[in-house]
Amino acid sequence: MALSRREIAKDVLQQSTEAAIGSAGHVVAILFETARKITTEVGAFGTEIFEIAEASKRAGQDDEDTHPAAE
């Protein structure tokens, strides 16, 4: 039994829609993964800034301990 034009059109529409949804899902997954990686990198950068600030603070305290201010 041959398929009618309407059934063929329905199948084409269904498969096209499924392909579009699949592609959109892949794009969204890529965007989410990219956003996660960016967040991770920004967090690592923030951690480094805090560590640099703490090291600078400790270095200043060490300098004050070894060279007390003249009174």
PDB file of N, CA and C in Angstrom:
ATOM      1  N   MET A   1       0.841  -1.183   0.000  1.00  0.00           N
ATOM      2  CA  MET A   1       0.000   0.000   0.000  1.00  0.00           C
ATOM      3  C   MET A   1       0.882   1.241   0.000  1.00  0.00           C
ATOM      4  N   ALA A   2       0.647   2.129  -0.892  1.00  0.00           N
ATOM      5  CA  ALA A   2       1.431   3.350  -1.033  1.00  0.00           C
ATOM      6  C   ALA A   2       0.969   4.386  -0.011  1.00  0.00           C
ATOM      7  N   LEU A   3       1.913   5.218   0.372  1.00  0.00           N
ATOM      8  CA  LEU A   3       1.591   6.286   1.318  1.00  0.00           C
ATOM      9  C   LEU A   3       0.962   7.462   0.578  1.00  0.00           C
ATOM     10  N   SER A   4       0.005   8.097   1.237  1.00  0.00           N
ATOM     11  CA  SER A   4      -0.617   9.275   0.628  1.00  0.00           C
ATOM     12  C   SER A   4       0.308  10.479   0.773  1.00  0.00           C
ATOM     13  N   ARG A   5       0.066  11.470  -0.030  1.00  0.00           N
ATOM     14  CA  ARG A   5       0.872  12.703   0.046  1.00  0.00           C
ATOM     15  C   ARG A   5       0.769  13.332   1.441  1.00  0.00           C
ATOM     16  N   ARG A   6      -0.407  13.271   2.036  1.00  0.00           N
ATOM     17  CA  ARG A   6      -0.591  13.864   3.371  1.00  0.00           C
ATOM     18  C   ARG A   6       0.230  13.110   4.406  1.00  0.00           C
ATOM     19  N   GLU A   7       0.285  11.791   4.295  1.00  0.00           N
ATOM     20  CA  GLU A   7       1.066  11.007   5.246  1.00  0.00           C
ATOM     21  C   GLU A   7       2.563  11.260   5.056  1.00  0.00           C
ATOM     22  N   ILE A   8       2.986  11.374   3.809  1.00  0.00           N
ATOM     23  CA  ILE A   8       4.400  11.692   3.530  1.00  0.00           C
ATOM     24  C   ILE A   8       4.731  13.067   4.090  1.00  0.00           C
ATOM     25  N   ALA A   9       3.852  14.053   3.883  1.00  0.00           N
ATOM     26  CA  ALA A   9       4.074  15.408   4.395  1.00  0.00           C
ATOM     27  C   ALA A   9       4.144  15.393   5.926  1.00  0.00           C
ATOM     28  N   LYS A  10       3.278  14.589   6.557  1.00  0.00           N
ATOM     29  CA  LYS A  10       3.294  14.471   8.020  1.00  0.00           C
ATOM     30  C   LYS A  10       4.618  13.887   8.499  1.00  0.00           C
ATOM     31  N   ASP A  11       5.094  12.854   7.810  1.00  0.00           N
ATOM     32  CA  ASP A  11       6.367  12.232   8.182  1.00  0.00           C
ATOM     33  C   ASP A  11       7.538  13.204   8.019  1.00  0.00           C
ATOM     34  N   VAL A  12       7.523  13.963   6.934  1.00  0.00           N
ATOM     35  CA  VAL A  12       8.578  14.954   6.696  1.00  0.00           C
ATOM     36  C   VAL A  12       8.550  16.013   7.786  1.00  0.00           C
ATOM     37  N   LEU A  13       7.355  16.500   8.111  1.00  0.00           N
ATOM     38  CA  LEU A  13       7.222  17.506   9.170  1.00  0.00           C
ATOM     39  C   LEU A  13       7.674  16.945  10.510  1.00  0.00           C
ATOM     40  N   GLN A  14       7.287  15.722  10.819  1.00  0.00           N
ATOM     41  CA  GLN A  14       7.671  15.095  12.083  1.00  0.00           C
ATOM     42  C   GLN A  14       9.179  14.937  12.172  1.00  0.00           C
ATOM     43  N   GLN A  15       9.803  14.406  11.150  1.00  0.00           N
ATOM     44  CA  GLN A  15      11.250  14.185  11.181  1.00  0.00           C
ATOM     45  C   GLN A  15      12.017  15.508  11.204  1.00  0.00           C
ATOM     46  N   SER A  16      11.522  16.493  10.478  1.00  0.00           N
ATOM     47  CA  SER A  16      12.172  17.809  10.495  1.00  0.00           C
ATOM     48  C   SER A  16      12.086  18.442  11.870  1.00  0.00           C
ATOM     49  N   THR A  17      10.913  18.313  12.498  1.00  0.00           N
ATOM     50  CA  THR A  17      10.732  18.869  13.842  1.00  0.00           C
ATOM     51  C   THR A  17      11.636  18.168  14.841  1.00  0.00           C
ATOM     52  N   GLU A  18      11.709  16.839  14.750  1.00  0.00           N
ATOM     53  CA  GLU A  18      12.587  16.093  15.646  1.00  0.00           C
ATOM     54  C   GLU A  18      14.044  16.489  15.452  1.00  0.00           C
ATOM     55  N   ALA A  19      14.462  16.667  14.216  1.00  0.00           N
ATOM     56  CA  ALA A  19      15.844  17.075  13.939  1.00  0.00           C
ATOM     57  C   ALA A  19      16.114  18.471  14.494  1.00  0.00           C
ATOM     58  N   ALA A  20      15.159  19.394  14.322  1.00  0.00           N
ATOM     59  CA  ALA A  20      15.329  20.757  14.835  1.00  0.00           C
ATOM     60  C   ALA A  20      15.423  20.757  16.357  1.00  0.00           C
ATOM     61  N   ILE A  21      14.563  19.987  17.003  1.00  0.00           N
ATOM     62  CA  ILE A  21      14.585  19.920  18.467  1.00  0.00           C
ATOM     63  C   ILE A  21      15.894  19.307  18.945  1.00  0.00           C
ATOM     64  N   GLY A  22      16.353  18.263  18.274  1.00  0.00           N
ATOM     65  CA  GLY A  22      17.634  17.649  18.640  1.00  0.00           C
ATOM     66  C   GLY A  22      18.786  18.624  18.498  1.00  0.00           C
ATOM     67  N   SER A  23      18.807  19.368  17.396  1.00  0.00           N
ATOM     68  CA  SER A  23      19.875  20.355  17.192  1.00  0.00           C
ATOM     69  C   SER A  23      19.805  21.459  18.236  1.00  0.00           C
ATOM     70  N   ALA A  24      18.595  21.930  18.522  1.00  0.00           N
ATOM     71  CA  ALA A  24      18.438  22.975  19.535  1.00  0.00           C
ATOM     72  C   ALA A  24      18.914  22.470  20.887  1.00  0.00           C
ATOM     73  N   GLY A  25      18.626  21.222  21.202  1.00  0.00           N
ATOM     74  CA  GLY A  25      19.087  20.643  22.458  1.00  0.00           C
ATOM     75  C   GLY A  25      20.598  20.605  22.545  1.00  0.00           C
ATOM     76  N   HIS A  26      21.247  20.274  21.446  1.00  0.00           N
ATOM     77  CA  HIS A  26      22.713  20.246  21.423  1.00  0.00           C
ATOM     78  C   HIS A  26      23.287  21.651  21.617  1.00  0.00           C
ATOM     79  N   VAL A  27      22.675  22.629  20.955  1.00  0.00           N
ATOM     80  CA  VAL A  27      23.140  24.013  21.096  1.00  0.00           C
ATOM     81  C   VAL A  27      22.977  24.491  22.535  1.00  0.00           C
ATOM     82  N   VAL A  28      21.842  24.189  23.144  1.00  0.00           N
ATOM     83  CA  VAL A  28      21.601  24.587  24.534  1.00  0.00           C
ATOM     84  C   VAL A  28      22.614  23.909  25.457  1.00  0.00           C
ATOM     85  N   ALA A  29      22.896  22.635  25.215  1.00  0.00           N
ATOM     86  CA  ALA A  29      23.891  21.931  26.038  1.00  0.00           C
ATOM     87  C   ALA A  29      25.259  22.588  25.905  1.00  0.00           C
ATOM     88  N   ILE A  30      25.628  22.992  24.699  1.00  0.00           N
ATOM     89  CA  ILE A  30      26.907  23.682  24.485  1.00  0.00           C
ATOM     90  C   ILE A  30      26.924  25.002  25.250  1.00  0.00           C
ATOM     91  N   LEU A  31      25.830  25.746  25.183  1.00  0.00           N
ATOM     92  CA  LEU A  31      25.762  27.032  25.884  1.00  0.00           C
ATOM     93  C   LEU A  31      25.861  26.853  27.393  1.00  0.00           C
ATOM     94  N   PHE A  32      25.157  25.852  27.941  1.00  0.00           N
ATOM     95  CA  PHE A  32      25.229  25.600  29.377  1.00  0.00           C
ATOM     96  C   PHE A  32      26.636  25.192  29.794  1.00  0.00           C
ATOM     97  N   GLU A  33      27.269  24.334  29.011  1.00  0.00           N
ATOM     98  CA  GLU A  33      28.636  23.904  29.330  1.00  0.00           C
ATOM     99  C   GLU A  33      29.599  25.089  29.279  1.00  0.00           C
ATOM    100  N   THR A  34      29.414  25.953  28.287  1.00  0.00           N
ATOM    101  CA  THR A  34      30.255  27.148  28.179  1.00  0.00           C
ATOM    102  C   THR A  34      30.045  28.062  29.380  1.00  0.00           C
ATOM    103  N   ALA A  35      28.799  28.265  29.762  1.00  0.00           N
ATOM    104  CA  ALA A  35      28.506  29.107  30.931  1.00  0.00           C
ATOM    105  C   ALA A  35      29.125  28.514  32.187  1.00  0.00           C
ATOM    106  N   ARG A  36      29.081  27.190  32.334  1.00  0.00           N
ATOM    107  CA  ARG A  36      29.681  26.525  33.499  1.00  0.00           C
ATOM    108  C   ARG A  36      31.188  26.730  33.518  1.00  0.00           C
ATOM    109  N   LYS A  37      31.824  26.594  32.354  1.00  0.00           N
ATOM    110  CA  LYS A  37      33.276  26.777  32.283  1.00  0.00           C
ATOM    111  C   LYS A  37      33.668  28.225  32.584  1.00  0.00           C
ATOM    112  N   ILE A  38      32.888  29.169  32.084  1.00  0.00           N
ATOM    113  CA  ILE A  38      33.162  30.587  32.355  1.00  0.00           C
ATOM    114  C   ILE A  38      33.034  30.860  33.851  1.00  0.00           C
ATOM    115  N   THR A  39      31.981  30.333  34.471  1.00  0.00           N
ATOM    116  CA  THR A  39      31.789  30.518  35.908  1.00  0.00           C
ATOM    117  C   THR A  39      32.953  29.937  36.692  1.00  0.00           C
ATOM    118  N   THR A  40      33.421  28.763  36.287  1.00  0.00           N
ATOM    119  CA  THR A  40      34.560  28.130  36.954  1.00  0.00           C
ATOM    120  C   THR A  40      35.804  28.998  36.838  1.00  0.00           C
ATOM    121  N   GLU A  41      36.061  29.526  35.652  1.00  0.00           N
ATOM    122  CA  GLU A  41      37.249  30.364  35.446  1.00  0.00           C
ATOM    123  C   GLU A  41      37.166  31.674  36.221  1.00  0.00           C
ATOM    124  N   VAL A  42      35.995  32.290  36.253  1.00  0.00           N
ATOM    125  CA  VAL A  42      35.831  33.535  37.006  1.00  0.00           C
ATOM    126  C   VAL A  42      36.029  33.258  38.494  1.00  0.00           C
ATOM    127  N   GLY A  43      35.515  32.132  38.972  1.00  0.00           N
ATOM    128  CA  GLY A  43      35.714  31.757  40.376  1.00  0.00           C
ATOM    129  C   GLY A  43      37.180  31.531  40.696  1.00  0.00           C
ATOM    130  N   ALA A  44      37.893  30.861  39.795  1.00  0.00           N
ATOM    131  CA  ALA A  44      39.329  30.629  40.006  1.00  0.00           C
ATOM    132  C   ALA A  44      40.087  31.948  40.016  1.00  0.00           C
ATOM    133  N   PHE A  45      39.704  32.865  39.144  1.00  0.00           N
ATOM    134  CA  PHE A  45      40.339  34.178  39.121  1.00  0.00           C
ATOM    135  C   PHE A  45      40.091  34.912  40.435  1.00  0.00           C
ATOM    136  N   GLY A  46      38.862  34.860  40.939  1.00  0.00           N
ATOM    137  CA  GLY A  46      38.543  35.491  42.219  1.00  0.00           C
ATOM    138  C   GLY A  46      39.364  34.906  43.350  1.00  0.00           C
ATOM    139  N   THR A  47      39.532  33.587  43.345  1.00  0.00           N
ATOM    140  CA  THR A  47      40.343  32.930  44.364  1.00  0.00           C
ATOM    141  C   THR A  47      41.779  33.432  44.304  1.00  0.00           C
ATOM    142  N   GLU A  48      42.323  33.555  43.097  1.00  0.00           N
ATOM    143  CA  GLU A  48      43.690  34.058  42.956  1.00  0.00           C
ATOM    144  C   GLU A  48      43.827  35.482  43.477  1.00  0.00           C
ATOM    145  N   ILE A  49      42.826  36.312  43.204  1.00  0.00           N
ATOM    146  CA  ILE A  49      42.860  37.700  43.692  1.00  0.00           C
ATOM    147  C   ILE A  49      42.881  37.711  45.221  1.00  0.00           C
ATOM    148  N   PHE A  50      42.032  36.893  45.863  1.00  0.00           N
ATOM    149  CA  PHE A  50      42.025  36.819  47.324  1.00  0.00           C
ATOM    150  C   PHE A  50      43.377  36.338  47.851  1.00  0.00           C
ATOM    151  N   GLU A  51      43.962  35.339  47.192  1.00  0.00           N
ATOM    152  CA  GLU A  51      45.261  34.825  47.628  1.00  0.00           C
ATOM    153  C   GLU A  51      46.353  35.877  47.476  1.00  0.00           C
ATOM    154  N   ILE A  52      46.325  36.633  46.396  1.00  0.00           N
ATOM    155  CA  ILE A  52      47.310  37.699  46.195  1.00  0.00           C
ATOM    156  C   ILE A  52      47.149  38.768  47.270  1.00  0.00           C
ATOM    157  N   ALA A  53      45.903  39.134  47.567  1.00  0.00           N
ATOM    158  CA  ALA A  53      45.650  40.152  48.596  1.00  0.00           C
ATOM    159  C   ALA A  53      46.147  39.673  49.957  1.00  0.00           C
ATOM    160  N   GLU A  54      45.876  38.407  50.284  1.00  0.00           N
ATOM    161  CA  GLU A  54      46.341  37.855  51.563  1.00  0.00           C
ATOM    162  C   GLU A  54      47.863  37.805  51.621  1.00  0.00           C
ATOM    163  N   ALA A  55      48.510  37.415  50.537  1.00  0.00           N
ATOM    164  CA  ALA A  55      49.978  37.358  50.504  1.00  0.00           C
ATOM    165  C   ALA A  55      50.563  38.756  50.670  1.00  0.00           C
ATOM    166  N   SER A  56      49.935  39.727  50.038  1.00  0.00           N
ATOM    167  CA  SER A  56      50.398  41.114  50.158  1.00  0.00           C
ATOM    168  C   SER A  56      50.252  41.600  51.600  1.00  0.00           C
ATOM    169  N   LYS A  57      49.130  41.258  52.207  1.00  0.00           N
ATOM    170  CA  LYS A  57      48.882  41.653  53.599  1.00  0.00           C
ATOM    171  C   LYS A  57      49.924  41.019  54.531  1.00  0.00           C
ATOM    172  N   ARG A  58      50.187  39.713  54.319  1.00  0.00           N
ATOM    173  CA  ARG A  58      51.191  39.030  55.149  1.00  0.00           C
ATOM    174  C   ARG A  58      52.576  39.621  54.923  1.00  0.00           C
ATOM    175  N   ALA A  59      52.887  39.961  53.676  1.00  0.00           N
ATOM    176  CA  ALA A  59      54.202  40.546  53.386  1.00  0.00           C
ATOM    177  C   ALA A  59      54.345  41.891  54.088  1.00  0.00           C
ATOM    178  N   GLY A  60      53.282  42.674  54.126  1.00  0.00           N
ATOM    179  CA  GLY A  60      53.321  43.959  54.821  1.00  0.00           C
ATOM    180  C   GLY A  60      53.492  43.775  56.317  1.00  0.00           C
ATOM    181  N   GLN A  61      52.836  42.770  56.879  1.00  0.00           N
ATOM    182  CA  GLN A  61      52.971  42.502  58.308  1.00  0.00           C
ATOM    183  C   GLN A  61      54.381  42.003  58.635  1.00  0.00           C
ATOM    184  N   ASP A  62      54.941  41.143  57.780  1.00  0.00           N
ATOM    185  CA  ASP A  62      56.307  40.651  57.983  1.00  0.00           C
ATOM    186  C   ASP A  62      57.294  41.806  57.952  1.00  0.00           C
ATOM    187  N   ASP A  63      57.078  42.739  57.036  1.00  0.00           N
ATOM    188  CA  ASP A  63      57.973  43.888  56.919  1.00  0.00           C
ATOM    189  C   ASP A  63      57.898  44.749  58.179  1.00  0.00           C
ATOM    190  N   GLU A  64      56.689  44.935  58.716  1.00  0.00           N
ATOM    191  CA  GLU A  64      56.527  45.726  59.941  1.00  0.00           C
ATOM    192  C   GLU A  64      57.180  45.027  61.127  1.00  0.00           C
ATOM    193  N   ASP A  65      57.132  43.700  61.155  1.00  0.00           N
ATOM    194  CA  ASP A  65      57.734  42.940  62.252  1.00  0.00           C
ATOM    195  C   ASP A  65      59.258  43.024  62.221  1.00  0.00           C
ATOM    196  N   THR A  66      59.838  43.015  61.022  1.00  0.00           N
ATOM    197  CA  THR A  66      61.297  43.047  60.914  1.00  0.00           C
ATOM    198  C   THR A  66      61.864  44.452  60.933  1.00  0.00           C
ATOM    199  N   HIS A  67      61.048  45.434  60.569  1.00  0.00           N
ATOM    200  CA  HIS A  67      61.490  46.838  60.567  1.00  0.00           C
ATOM    201  C   HIS A  67      60.460  47.686  61.315  1.00  0.00           C
ATOM    202  N   PRO A  68      60.473  47.644  62.638  1.00  0.00           N
ATOM    203  CA  PRO A  68      59.479  48.432  63.383  1.00  0.00           C
ATOM    204  C   PRO A  68      59.645  49.915  63.084  1.00  0.00           C
ATOM    205  N   ALA A  69      58.542  50.625  63.095  1.00  0.00           N
ATOM    206  CA  ALA A  69      58.560  52.071  62.827  1.00  0.00           C
ATOM    207  C   ALA A  69      59.272  52.783  63.990  1.00  0.00           C
ATOM    208  N   ALA A  70      60.060  53.789  63.628  1.00  0.00           N
ATOM    209  CA  ALA A  70      60.759  54.572  64.662  1.00  0.00           C
ATOM    210  C   ALA A  70      59.740  55.421  65.394  1.00  0.00           C
ATOM    211  N   GLU A  71      59.856  55.418  66.704  1.00  0.00           N
ATOM    212  CA  GLU A  71      58.922  56.221  67.504  1.00  0.00           C
ATOM    213  C   GLU A  71      59.595  57.433  68.050  1.00  0.00           C
TER     214      GLU A  71
END
